[in-house]
Amino acid sequence: MPEHYEAELEINDFPQNARWKVTHKETLGPISEWTGAAITTRGQYYPPGRIPGPGERKLYLFIEGPTEQSVKRAKAELKRVLEDITNQASSLPGSAQPGRYSVV
């Protein structure tokens, strides 16, 4: 019987651009191929101050793979991406969050 390993990484409280980055296939595909782990987005986004009700979960990534090492590598890489994006956002002048649209 093949072994199965799982981990979770909560992403709800990271900035929007960091959450966006780690939930899209352009990021998840290469990490999944490199580590052999499957990564699934689960839960729901809750703004600061809002608490999930019974049976509800904050937004998180569910990571599963054939080996403990594959899951650990995927989780570590996802954390690195989240932290890189968060650090980039906080180093912008005035800590402004970049938006999708610009005011003309």
N, C-alpha and C. Protein backbone atom coordinates (compact mmCIF):
# COMPACT_ATOMS: atom_id res chain seq x y z
N MET A 1 0.83 -1.18 0.00
CA MET A 1 0.00 0.00 0.00
C MET A 1 0.89 1.25 0.00
N PRO A 2 0.70 2.14 -0.99
CA PRO A 2 1.54 3.34 -1.06
C PRO A 2 1.25 4.29 0.10
N GLU A 3 2.31 4.97 0.55
CA GLU A 3 2.13 5.92 1.64
C GLU A 3 1.59 7.24 1.11
N HIS A 4 0.98 7.98 2.01
CA HIS A 4 0.34 9.24 1.63
C HIS A 4 0.60 10.26 2.74
N TYR A 5 1.12 11.41 2.37
CA TYR A 5 1.44 12.45 3.34
C TYR A 5 0.65 13.71 3.02
N GLU A 6 0.28 14.45 4.06
CA GLU A 6 -0.52 15.66 3.90
C GLU A 6 0.01 16.78 4.78
N ALA A 7 -0.24 18.01 4.35
CA ALA A 7 0.07 19.19 5.17
C ALA A 7 -0.88 20.30 4.75
N GLU A 8 -1.01 21.29 5.62
CA GLU A 8 -1.84 22.45 5.31
C GLU A 8 -1.02 23.71 5.54
N LEU A 9 -1.31 24.72 4.75
CA LEU A 9 -0.65 26.02 4.89
C LEU A 9 -1.72 27.10 4.78
N GLU A 10 -2.01 27.75 5.91
CA GLU A 10 -3.04 28.79 5.90
C GLU A 10 -2.50 30.03 5.20
N ILE A 11 -3.28 30.54 4.24
CA ILE A 11 -2.86 31.71 3.47
C ILE A 11 -3.82 32.89 3.63
N ASN A 12 -4.86 32.72 4.39
CA ASN A 12 -5.92 33.73 4.53
C ASN A 12 -5.40 35.11 4.93
N ASP A 13 -4.44 35.16 5.85
CA ASP A 13 -4.02 36.44 6.41
C ASP A 13 -2.87 37.10 5.66
N PHE A 14 -2.42 36.51 4.56
CA PHE A 14 -1.39 37.14 3.73
C PHE A 14 -2.05 38.20 2.85
N PRO A 15 -1.27 39.17 2.34
CA PRO A 15 -1.85 40.18 1.44
C PRO A 15 -2.49 39.54 0.20
N GLN A 16 -3.44 40.26 -0.39
CA GLN A 16 -4.18 39.72 -1.53
C GLN A 16 -3.28 39.27 -2.67
N ASN A 17 -2.26 40.07 -3.01
CA ASN A 17 -1.40 39.70 -4.13
C ASN A 17 -0.60 38.43 -3.83
N ALA A 18 -0.25 38.18 -2.58
CA ALA A 18 0.46 36.95 -2.21
C ALA A 18 -0.48 35.75 -2.30
N ARG A 19 -1.72 35.92 -1.81
CA ARG A 19 -2.71 34.84 -1.92
C ARG A 19 -2.98 34.50 -3.38
N TRP A 20 -3.11 35.54 -4.20
CA TRP A 20 -3.38 35.33 -5.63
C TRP A 20 -2.25 34.52 -6.27
N LYS A 21 -1.02 34.90 -5.96
CA LYS A 21 0.15 34.26 -6.57
C LYS A 21 0.19 32.76 -6.27
N VAL A 22 -0.07 32.36 -5.02
CA VAL A 22 0.05 30.95 -4.66
C VAL A 22 -1.20 30.12 -4.93
N THR A 23 -2.23 30.74 -5.52
CA THR A 23 -3.42 29.96 -5.84
C THR A 23 -3.61 29.81 -7.35
N HIS A 24 -2.68 30.31 -8.15
CA HIS A 24 -2.81 30.20 -9.60
C HIS A 24 -1.82 29.20 -10.19
N LYS A 25 -2.25 28.59 -11.27
CA LYS A 25 -1.49 27.48 -11.85
C LYS A 25 -0.10 27.86 -12.32
N GLU A 26 0.13 29.15 -12.63
CA GLU A 26 1.46 29.57 -13.05
C GLU A 26 2.49 29.35 -11.93
N THR A 27 2.04 29.39 -10.70
CA THR A 27 2.91 29.14 -9.55
C THR A 27 2.81 27.69 -9.10
N LEU A 28 1.58 27.19 -8.99
CA LEU A 28 1.37 25.84 -8.45
C LEU A 28 1.90 24.74 -9.37
N GLY A 29 1.76 24.92 -10.69
CA GLY A 29 2.20 23.89 -11.64
C GLY A 29 3.66 23.50 -11.47
N PRO A 30 4.57 24.48 -11.58
CA PRO A 30 6.00 24.15 -11.43
C PRO A 30 6.35 23.57 -10.06
N ILE A 31 5.74 24.09 -8.99
CA ILE A 31 6.03 23.57 -7.65
C ILE A 31 5.56 22.12 -7.55
N SER A 32 4.39 21.86 -8.09
CA SER A 32 3.83 20.50 -8.06
C SER A 32 4.71 19.54 -8.87
N GLU A 33 5.14 19.98 -10.05
CA GLU A 33 6.01 19.13 -10.88
C GLU A 33 7.34 18.87 -10.20
N TRP A 34 7.93 19.91 -9.61
CA TRP A 34 9.24 19.80 -8.97
C TRP A 34 9.21 18.90 -7.75
N THR A 35 8.14 18.98 -6.96
CA THR A 35 8.10 18.23 -5.70
C THR A 35 7.33 16.91 -5.79
N GLY A 36 6.45 16.78 -6.77
CA GLY A 36 5.62 15.59 -6.86
C GLY A 36 4.40 15.64 -5.95
N ALA A 37 4.16 16.80 -5.34
CA ALA A 37 3.01 16.96 -4.43
C ALA A 37 1.86 17.64 -5.16
N ALA A 38 0.64 17.29 -4.78
CA ALA A 38 -0.55 17.94 -5.31
C ALA A 38 -0.95 19.05 -4.34
N ILE A 39 -1.32 20.21 -4.89
CA ILE A 39 -1.66 21.36 -4.07
C ILE A 39 -3.07 21.83 -4.44
N THR A 40 -3.94 21.92 -3.44
CA THR A 40 -5.33 22.30 -3.66
C THR A 40 -5.69 23.47 -2.76
N THR A 41 -6.40 24.45 -3.31
CA THR A 41 -6.89 25.58 -2.51
C THR A 41 -8.19 25.16 -1.85
N ARG A 42 -8.27 25.39 -0.55
CA ARG A 42 -9.48 25.03 0.20
C ARG A 42 -9.84 26.16 1.16
N GLY A 43 -11.05 26.09 1.69
CA GLY A 43 -11.51 27.09 2.63
C GLY A 43 -12.04 28.32 1.92
N GLN A 44 -12.23 29.37 2.68
CA GLN A 44 -12.82 30.60 2.17
C GLN A 44 -12.09 31.78 2.77
N TYR A 45 -11.98 32.87 2.00
CA TYR A 45 -11.31 34.06 2.52
C TYR A 45 -12.20 34.76 3.55
N TYR A 46 -11.58 35.11 4.68
CA TYR A 46 -12.26 35.87 5.72
C TYR A 46 -11.46 37.14 5.97
N PRO A 47 -12.09 38.32 5.84
CA PRO A 47 -11.38 39.57 6.10
C PRO A 47 -10.97 39.67 7.57
N PRO A 48 -9.99 40.53 7.87
CA PRO A 48 -9.54 40.68 9.26
C PRO A 48 -10.71 41.01 10.18
N GLY A 49 -10.75 40.35 11.32
CA GLY A 49 -11.80 40.58 12.29
C GLY A 49 -13.01 39.67 12.14
N ARG A 50 -13.13 39.02 11.00
CA ARG A 50 -14.26 38.11 10.80
C ARG A 50 -13.81 36.69 11.15
N ILE A 51 -14.59 36.01 11.95
CA ILE A 51 -14.23 34.67 12.42
C ILE A 51 -15.10 33.64 11.71
N PRO A 52 -14.48 32.57 11.19
CA PRO A 52 -15.27 31.52 10.53
C PRO A 52 -16.25 30.87 11.50
N GLY A 53 -17.41 30.52 10.99
CA GLY A 53 -18.42 29.84 11.79
C GLY A 53 -18.10 28.37 11.94
N PRO A 54 -18.95 27.64 12.65
CA PRO A 54 -18.75 26.20 12.84
C PRO A 54 -18.70 25.48 11.48
N GLY A 55 -17.72 24.63 11.31
CA GLY A 55 -17.58 23.86 10.08
C GLY A 55 -16.97 24.64 8.93
N GLU A 56 -16.63 25.92 9.15
CA GLU A 56 -16.01 26.73 8.11
C GLU A 56 -14.52 26.86 8.40
N ARG A 57 -13.74 27.08 7.34
CA ARG A 57 -12.29 27.22 7.49
C ARG A 57 -11.81 28.45 6.73
N LYS A 58 -10.78 29.09 7.29
CA LYS A 58 -10.12 30.18 6.57
C LYS A 58 -9.41 29.59 5.35
N LEU A 59 -9.08 30.44 4.39
CA LEU A 59 -8.43 30.03 3.16
C LEU A 59 -7.07 29.38 3.44
N TYR A 60 -6.85 28.20 2.86
CA TYR A 60 -5.59 27.49 3.06
C TYR A 60 -5.26 26.62 1.85
N LEU A 61 -4.02 26.19 1.79
CA LEU A 61 -3.58 25.26 0.76
C LEU A 61 -3.44 23.88 1.38
N PHE A 62 -4.01 22.89 0.72
CA PHE A 62 -3.91 21.50 1.16
C PHE A 62 -2.86 20.85 0.26
N ILE A 63 -1.82 20.31 0.88
CA ILE A 63 -0.69 19.74 0.14
C ILE A 63 -0.63 18.25 0.44
N GLU A 64 -0.62 17.43 -0.60
CA GLU A 64 -0.52 15.98 -0.40
C GLU A 64 0.46 15.40 -1.40
N GLY A 65 1.18 14.36 -0.94
CA GLY A 65 2.18 13.75 -1.80
C GLY A 65 2.54 12.35 -1.35
N PRO A 66 3.33 11.68 -2.20
CA PRO A 66 3.70 10.29 -1.93
C PRO A 66 4.76 10.12 -0.85
N THR A 67 5.53 11.19 -0.59
CA THR A 67 6.57 11.11 0.44
C THR A 67 6.48 12.33 1.36
N GLU A 68 6.97 12.16 2.57
CA GLU A 68 7.01 13.28 3.51
C GLU A 68 7.87 14.41 2.95
N GLN A 69 8.98 14.04 2.31
CA GLN A 69 9.90 15.02 1.75
C GLN A 69 9.24 15.85 0.65
N SER A 70 8.43 15.23 -0.20
CA SER A 70 7.77 15.97 -1.29
C SER A 70 6.81 17.01 -0.72
N VAL A 71 6.10 16.65 0.33
CA VAL A 71 5.15 17.57 0.96
C VAL A 71 5.90 18.70 1.67
N LYS A 72 6.98 18.38 2.37
CA LYS A 72 7.76 19.40 3.07
C LYS A 72 8.38 20.39 2.08
N ARG A 73 8.90 19.87 0.95
CA ARG A 73 9.51 20.76 -0.05
C ARG A 73 8.47 21.69 -0.66
N ALA A 74 7.29 21.15 -0.98
CA ALA A 74 6.23 21.97 -1.56
C ALA A 74 5.80 23.06 -0.57
N LYS A 75 5.61 22.69 0.68
CA LYS A 75 5.18 23.66 1.70
C LYS A 75 6.24 24.75 1.89
N ALA A 76 7.50 24.35 1.92
CA ALA A 76 8.59 25.32 2.10
C ALA A 76 8.65 26.29 0.92
N GLU A 77 8.48 25.79 -0.29
CA GLU A 77 8.52 26.64 -1.48
C GLU A 77 7.33 27.60 -1.50
N LEU A 78 6.16 27.11 -1.14
CA LEU A 78 4.97 27.97 -1.08
C LEU A 78 5.15 29.07 -0.04
N LYS A 79 5.72 28.72 1.12
CA LYS A 79 5.98 29.72 2.16
C LYS A 79 6.96 30.78 1.64
N ARG A 80 7.98 30.32 0.92
CA ARG A 80 8.97 31.25 0.38
C ARG A 80 8.32 32.25 -0.58
N VAL A 81 7.46 31.75 -1.47
CA VAL A 81 6.76 32.62 -2.42
C VAL A 81 5.89 33.62 -1.67
N LEU A 82 5.13 33.14 -0.69
CA LEU A 82 4.26 34.03 0.10
C LEU A 82 5.08 35.13 0.79
N GLU A 83 6.19 34.74 1.40
CA GLU A 83 7.02 35.71 2.12
C GLU A 83 7.68 36.69 1.17
N ASP A 84 8.14 36.21 0.00
CA ASP A 84 8.75 37.11 -0.99
C ASP A 84 7.76 38.18 -1.45
N ILE A 85 6.56 37.76 -1.79
CA ILE A 85 5.54 38.71 -2.27
C ILE A 85 5.15 39.67 -1.15
N THR A 86 5.00 39.16 0.06
CA THR A 86 4.64 40.00 1.20
C THR A 86 5.74 41.03 1.48
N ASN A 87 7.00 40.61 1.41
CA ASN A 87 8.12 41.53 1.64
C ASN A 87 8.21 42.58 0.55
N GLN A 88 7.94 42.19 -0.69
CA GLN A 88 7.96 43.15 -1.80
C GLN A 88 6.88 44.21 -1.58
N ALA A 89 5.70 43.77 -1.17
CA ALA A 89 4.58 44.70 -0.95
C ALA A 89 4.89 45.67 0.18
N SER A 90 5.52 45.17 1.24
CA SER A 90 5.78 46.04 2.39
C SER A 90 6.95 46.98 2.13
N SER A 91 7.75 46.72 1.10
CA SER A 91 8.88 47.61 0.80
C SER A 91 8.50 48.70 -0.20
N LEU A 92 7.26 48.68 -0.69
CA LEU A 92 6.80 49.74 -1.59
C LEU A 92 6.65 51.03 -0.81
N PRO A 93 6.86 52.18 -1.45
CA PRO A 93 6.70 53.46 -0.75
C PRO A 93 5.32 53.58 -0.12
N GLY A 94 5.28 53.91 1.14
CA GLY A 94 4.00 54.05 1.84
C GLY A 94 3.29 52.74 2.04
N SER A 95 3.97 51.63 1.83
CA SER A 95 3.38 50.30 1.95
C SER A 95 2.09 50.17 1.15
N ALA A 96 2.06 50.82 0.01
CA ALA A 96 0.87 50.76 -0.85
C ALA A 96 0.78 49.39 -1.49
N GLN A 97 -0.41 48.87 -1.56
CA GLN A 97 -0.63 47.59 -2.23
C GLN A 97 -0.81 47.87 -3.72
N PRO A 98 -0.09 47.17 -4.59
CA PRO A 98 -0.29 47.40 -6.02
C PRO A 98 -1.68 46.92 -6.43
N GLY A 99 -2.34 47.69 -7.26
CA GLY A 99 -3.68 47.33 -7.70
C GLY A 99 -3.66 46.84 -9.13
N ARG A 100 -4.77 46.32 -9.54
CA ARG A 100 -4.89 45.83 -10.90
C ARG A 100 -5.11 46.99 -11.87
N TYR A 101 -5.70 48.08 -11.38
CA TYR A 101 -6.03 49.21 -12.24
C TYR A 101 -5.26 50.44 -11.78
N SER A 102 -4.98 51.32 -12.73
CA SER A 102 -4.33 52.57 -12.35
C SER A 102 -5.27 53.73 -12.65
N VAL A 103 -5.17 54.75 -11.86
CA VAL A 103 -6.00 55.93 -12.05
C VAL A 103 -5.31 56.80 -13.08
N VAL A 104 -6.07 57.20 -14.10
CA VAL A 104 -5.47 57.98 -15.19
C VAL A 104 -5.79 59.44 -15.03
